Amino acid sequence: MLYASGKIGVLGRWPTSRLVAFFGRISYSLFLIHFPVLVFVAAIWMQHDWTSPEAAMAGLIVAGALSVCAATLFYRFVEEPSMRVSRRFA
C-alpha cells in the first residue's frame, strides 16, 4: 500500500489535516510515553478500587489524554532540542 500510494503521489500530499500532522510529529514521543502513563493511571484506579466497566473506560480516556499531553511536552522539551543539537554535529 505504501509503495502504491507513493507511486500515485498520495504520500506527497498527505497529511493535509493539522491534527494528523500534529500526531505524526509527536508519534515517537507518544510511543515512548503511553505505556508508563497507562500503568500509572491503572495503579491509581486500582488503588481507589474503581473497577467497574464504566470506571475502566474513564481510566482509558484519562490515560489517553494524559499520554497525548505528556508526549507533547516530551516532544517539545526533549525531542526538538536534541534534533537541534544533532544538526550541529552533522
N, C-alpha and C. Protein backbone atom coordinates (compact mmCIF):
# COMPACT_ATOMS: atom_id res chain seq x y z
N MET A 1 0.82 -1.18 0.00
CA MET A 1 0.00 0.00 0.00
C MET A 1 0.87 1.25 0.00
N LEU A 2 1.92 1.24 0.82
CA LEU A 2 2.81 2.40 0.86
C LEU A 2 3.49 2.61 -0.49
N TYR A 3 3.92 1.53 -1.12
CA TYR A 3 4.58 1.64 -2.42
C TYR A 3 3.62 2.21 -3.46
N ALA A 4 2.41 1.67 -3.50
CA ALA A 4 1.43 2.13 -4.49
C ALA A 4 1.04 3.58 -4.25
N SER A 5 0.82 3.96 -3.00
CA SER A 5 0.44 5.36 -2.73
C SER A 5 1.60 6.31 -3.01
N GLY A 6 2.82 5.85 -2.87
CA GLY A 6 3.97 6.67 -3.25
C GLY A 6 4.07 6.84 -4.75
N LYS A 7 3.75 5.79 -5.49
CA LYS A 7 3.80 5.85 -6.95
C LYS A 7 2.74 6.77 -7.54
N ILE A 8 1.55 6.80 -6.94
CA ILE A 8 0.49 7.65 -7.50
C ILE A 8 0.50 9.05 -6.92
N GLY A 9 1.40 9.32 -5.96
CA GLY A 9 1.57 10.68 -5.46
C GLY A 9 0.74 11.05 -4.25
N VAL A 10 0.08 10.10 -3.64
CA VAL A 10 -0.76 10.39 -2.48
C VAL A 10 0.10 10.79 -1.27
N LEU A 11 1.24 10.14 -1.10
CA LEU A 11 2.07 10.42 0.06
C LEU A 11 2.65 11.83 0.04
N GLY A 12 2.83 12.40 -1.12
CA GLY A 12 3.34 13.77 -1.23
C GLY A 12 2.35 14.81 -0.76
N ARG A 13 1.08 14.49 -0.83
CA ARG A 13 0.03 15.43 -0.42
C ARG A 13 -0.47 15.18 0.99
N TRP A 14 -0.09 14.08 1.59
CA TRP A 14 -0.63 13.68 2.87
C TRP A 14 0.34 14.03 3.97
N PRO A 15 0.02 14.46 5.13
CA PRO A 15 -1.31 14.73 5.65
C PRO A 15 -1.71 16.18 5.42
N THR A 16 -2.95 16.38 5.09
CA THR A 16 -3.46 17.74 4.94
C THR A 16 -4.13 18.23 6.20
N SER A 17 -4.47 17.33 7.08
CA SER A 17 -5.10 17.68 8.35
C SER A 17 -4.04 18.11 9.35
N ARG A 18 -4.25 19.23 10.01
CA ARG A 18 -3.30 19.69 11.03
C ARG A 18 -3.25 18.73 12.21
N LEU A 19 -4.39 18.12 12.54
CA LEU A 19 -4.42 17.17 13.65
C LEU A 19 -3.59 15.92 13.33
N VAL A 20 -3.73 15.42 12.12
CA VAL A 20 -2.95 14.25 11.71
C VAL A 20 -1.46 14.61 11.68
N ALA A 21 -1.14 15.79 11.19
CA ALA A 21 0.26 16.23 11.16
C ALA A 21 0.82 16.37 12.58
N PHE A 22 0.02 16.88 13.50
CA PHE A 22 0.44 17.00 14.89
C PHE A 22 0.75 15.64 15.49
N PHE A 23 -0.16 14.68 15.30
CA PHE A 23 0.08 13.34 15.83
C PHE A 23 1.25 12.66 15.14
N GLY A 24 1.48 12.99 13.88
CA GLY A 24 2.64 12.46 13.18
C GLY A 24 3.93 12.98 13.78
N ARG A 25 3.95 14.25 14.17
CA ARG A 25 5.15 14.83 14.78
C ARG A 25 5.45 14.22 16.14
N ILE A 26 4.42 14.02 16.96
CA ILE A 26 4.65 13.53 18.32
C ILE A 26 4.54 12.01 18.43
N SER A 27 4.45 11.31 17.31
CA SER A 27 4.18 9.87 17.36
C SER A 27 5.25 9.08 18.10
N TYR A 28 6.52 9.41 17.91
CA TYR A 28 7.57 8.67 18.60
C TYR A 28 7.52 8.95 20.11
N SER A 29 7.30 10.20 20.48
CA SER A 29 7.16 10.53 21.89
C SER A 29 5.95 9.81 22.49
N LEU A 30 4.88 9.75 21.75
CA LEU A 30 3.67 9.06 22.22
C LEU A 30 3.94 7.57 22.38
N PHE A 31 4.70 6.99 21.45
CA PHE A 31 5.07 5.59 21.54
C PHE A 31 5.88 5.33 22.82
N LEU A 32 6.80 6.22 23.13
CA LEU A 32 7.64 6.03 24.30
C LEU A 32 6.89 6.22 25.62
N ILE A 33 5.92 7.11 25.64
CA ILE A 33 5.33 7.55 26.92
C ILE A 33 4.00 6.86 27.23
N HIS A 34 3.31 6.29 26.23
CA HIS A 34 1.95 5.82 26.51
C HIS A 34 1.89 4.67 27.51
N PHE A 35 2.84 3.74 27.46
CA PHE A 35 2.76 2.61 28.38
C PHE A 35 2.99 3.01 29.83
N PRO A 36 4.03 3.80 30.15
CA PRO A 36 4.18 4.22 31.55
C PRO A 36 2.99 5.01 32.07
N VAL A 37 2.40 5.84 31.22
CA VAL A 37 1.23 6.61 31.66
C VAL A 37 0.05 5.67 31.92
N LEU A 38 -0.14 4.70 31.04
CA LEU A 38 -1.22 3.73 31.23
C LEU A 38 -1.04 2.94 32.52
N VAL A 39 0.16 2.52 32.82
CA VAL A 39 0.43 1.79 34.07
C VAL A 39 0.18 2.68 35.28
N PHE A 40 0.60 3.94 35.20
CA PHE A 40 0.39 4.89 36.29
C PHE A 40 -1.11 5.10 36.56
N VAL A 41 -1.88 5.32 35.51
CA VAL A 41 -3.33 5.53 35.67
C VAL A 41 -3.99 4.25 36.19
N ALA A 42 -3.57 3.09 35.69
CA ALA A 42 -4.13 1.82 36.17
C ALA A 42 -3.84 1.62 37.65
N ALA A 43 -2.65 1.99 38.09
CA ALA A 43 -2.31 1.85 39.51
C ALA A 43 -3.19 2.75 40.38
N ILE A 44 -3.44 3.95 39.92
CA ILE A 44 -4.33 4.86 40.67
C ILE A 44 -5.74 4.30 40.70
N TRP A 45 -6.21 3.80 39.56
CA TRP A 45 -7.57 3.25 39.51
C TRP A 45 -7.70 2.04 40.44
N MET A 46 -6.70 1.18 40.46
CA MET A 46 -6.75 0.01 41.34
C MET A 46 -6.65 0.41 42.81
N GLN A 47 -5.86 1.42 43.11
CA GLN A 47 -5.73 1.87 44.50
C GLN A 47 -7.06 2.39 45.03
N HIS A 48 -7.84 3.04 44.17
CA HIS A 48 -9.13 3.57 44.59
C HIS A 48 -10.28 2.59 44.34
N ASP A 49 -9.94 1.39 43.86
CA ASP A 49 -10.92 0.33 43.61
C ASP A 49 -12.01 0.77 42.62
N TRP A 50 -11.58 1.49 41.59
CA TRP A 50 -12.50 1.89 40.51
C TRP A 50 -12.42 0.83 39.43
N THR A 51 -13.14 -0.27 39.64
CA THR A 51 -13.01 -1.43 38.76
C THR A 51 -14.26 -1.74 37.95
N SER A 52 -15.25 -0.89 37.98
CA SER A 52 -16.43 -1.13 37.15
C SER A 52 -16.07 -0.89 35.69
N PRO A 53 -16.85 -1.43 34.76
CA PRO A 53 -16.57 -1.19 33.34
C PRO A 53 -16.59 0.31 32.97
N GLU A 54 -17.49 1.05 33.59
CA GLU A 54 -17.56 2.50 33.31
C GLU A 54 -16.31 3.21 33.81
N ALA A 55 -15.85 2.83 35.00
CA ALA A 55 -14.63 3.42 35.56
C ALA A 55 -13.41 3.03 34.73
N ALA A 56 -13.39 1.80 34.24
CA ALA A 56 -12.28 1.36 33.39
C ALA A 56 -12.24 2.17 32.10
N MET A 57 -13.40 2.43 31.52
CA MET A 57 -13.45 3.25 30.30
C MET A 57 -12.99 4.67 30.58
N ALA A 58 -13.40 5.20 31.72
CA ALA A 58 -12.95 6.55 32.11
C ALA A 58 -11.44 6.56 32.30
N GLY A 59 -10.88 5.50 32.88
CA GLY A 59 -9.45 5.41 33.06
C GLY A 59 -8.70 5.38 31.74
N LEU A 60 -9.24 4.67 30.75
CA LEU A 60 -8.61 4.65 29.43
C LEU A 60 -8.64 6.04 28.78
N ILE A 61 -9.74 6.74 28.95
CA ILE A 61 -9.84 8.09 28.38
C ILE A 61 -8.86 9.03 29.07
N VAL A 62 -8.78 8.93 30.39
CA VAL A 62 -7.83 9.77 31.14
C VAL A 62 -6.40 9.43 30.73
N ALA A 63 -6.09 8.14 30.64
CA ALA A 63 -4.75 7.72 30.25
C ALA A 63 -4.41 8.19 28.83
N GLY A 64 -5.36 8.13 27.93
CA GLY A 64 -5.13 8.61 26.57
C GLY A 64 -4.85 10.10 26.53
N ALA A 65 -5.66 10.87 27.25
CA ALA A 65 -5.46 12.32 27.28
C ALA A 65 -4.13 12.68 27.93
N LEU A 66 -3.81 12.02 29.05
CA LEU A 66 -2.53 12.29 29.71
C LEU A 66 -1.34 11.88 28.84
N SER A 67 -1.49 10.80 28.09
CA SER A 67 -0.42 10.35 27.20
C SER A 67 -0.14 11.38 26.12
N VAL A 68 -1.19 11.92 25.53
CA VAL A 68 -1.01 12.94 24.49
C VAL A 68 -0.37 14.19 25.08
N CYS A 69 -0.81 14.61 26.26
CA CYS A 69 -0.21 15.78 26.91
C CYS A 69 1.26 15.54 27.24
N ALA A 70 1.56 14.38 27.81
CA ALA A 70 2.94 14.07 28.17
C ALA A 70 3.81 13.94 26.92
N ALA A 71 3.28 13.34 25.87
CA ALA A 71 4.04 13.20 24.63
C ALA A 71 4.32 14.56 23.99
N THR A 72 3.36 15.46 24.07
CA THR A 72 3.56 16.81 23.54
C THR A 72 4.68 17.51 24.30
N LEU A 73 4.67 17.41 25.61
CA LEU A 73 5.74 18.01 26.41
C LEU A 73 7.08 17.35 26.14
N PHE A 74 7.09 16.03 26.03
CA PHE A 74 8.32 15.30 25.74
C PHE A 74 8.89 15.73 24.39
N TYR A 75 8.01 15.86 23.40
CA TYR A 75 8.46 16.29 22.07
C TYR A 75 9.03 17.70 22.13
N ARG A 76 8.32 18.58 22.81
CA ARG A 76 8.72 19.99 22.85
C ARG A 76 10.02 20.21 23.62
N PHE A 77 10.20 19.51 24.73
CA PHE A 77 11.35 19.79 25.60
C PHE A 77 12.49 18.77 25.52
N VAL A 78 12.28 17.64 24.83
CA VAL A 78 13.35 16.65 24.70
C VAL A 78 13.69 16.42 23.22
N GLU A 79 12.70 16.05 22.43
CA GLU A 79 12.98 15.71 21.03
C GLU A 79 13.44 16.90 20.20
N GLU A 80 12.70 18.00 20.25
CA GLU A 80 13.09 19.17 19.45
C GLU A 80 14.48 19.69 19.81
N PRO A 81 14.79 19.90 21.09
CA PRO A 81 16.16 20.36 21.40
C PRO A 81 17.24 19.36 20.98
N SER A 82 16.99 18.08 21.12
CA SER A 82 18.00 17.10 20.72
C SER A 82 18.19 17.09 19.21
N MET A 83 17.13 17.33 18.45
CA MET A 83 17.27 17.42 16.99
C MET A 83 18.11 18.64 16.61
N ARG A 84 17.90 19.75 17.30
CA ARG A 84 18.71 20.95 17.02
C ARG A 84 20.17 20.70 17.33
N VAL A 85 20.45 20.06 18.44
CA VAL A 85 21.84 19.77 18.82
C VAL A 85 22.47 18.79 17.81
N SER A 86 21.74 17.79 17.39
CA SER A 86 22.30 16.80 16.47
C SER A 86 22.60 17.41 15.10
N ARG A 87 21.86 18.43 14.68
CA ARG A 87 22.14 19.10 13.40
C ARG A 87 23.46 19.85 13.43
N ARG A 88 23.87 20.29 14.60
CA ARG A 88 25.16 21.00 14.72
C ARG A 88 26.34 20.08 14.45
N PHE A 89 26.16 18.79 14.78
CA PHE A 89 27.27 17.84 14.62
C PHE A 89 27.24 17.13 13.28
N ALA A 90 26.19 17.30 12.53
CA ALA A 90 26.07 16.60 11.24
C ALA A 90 26.79 17.33 10.12
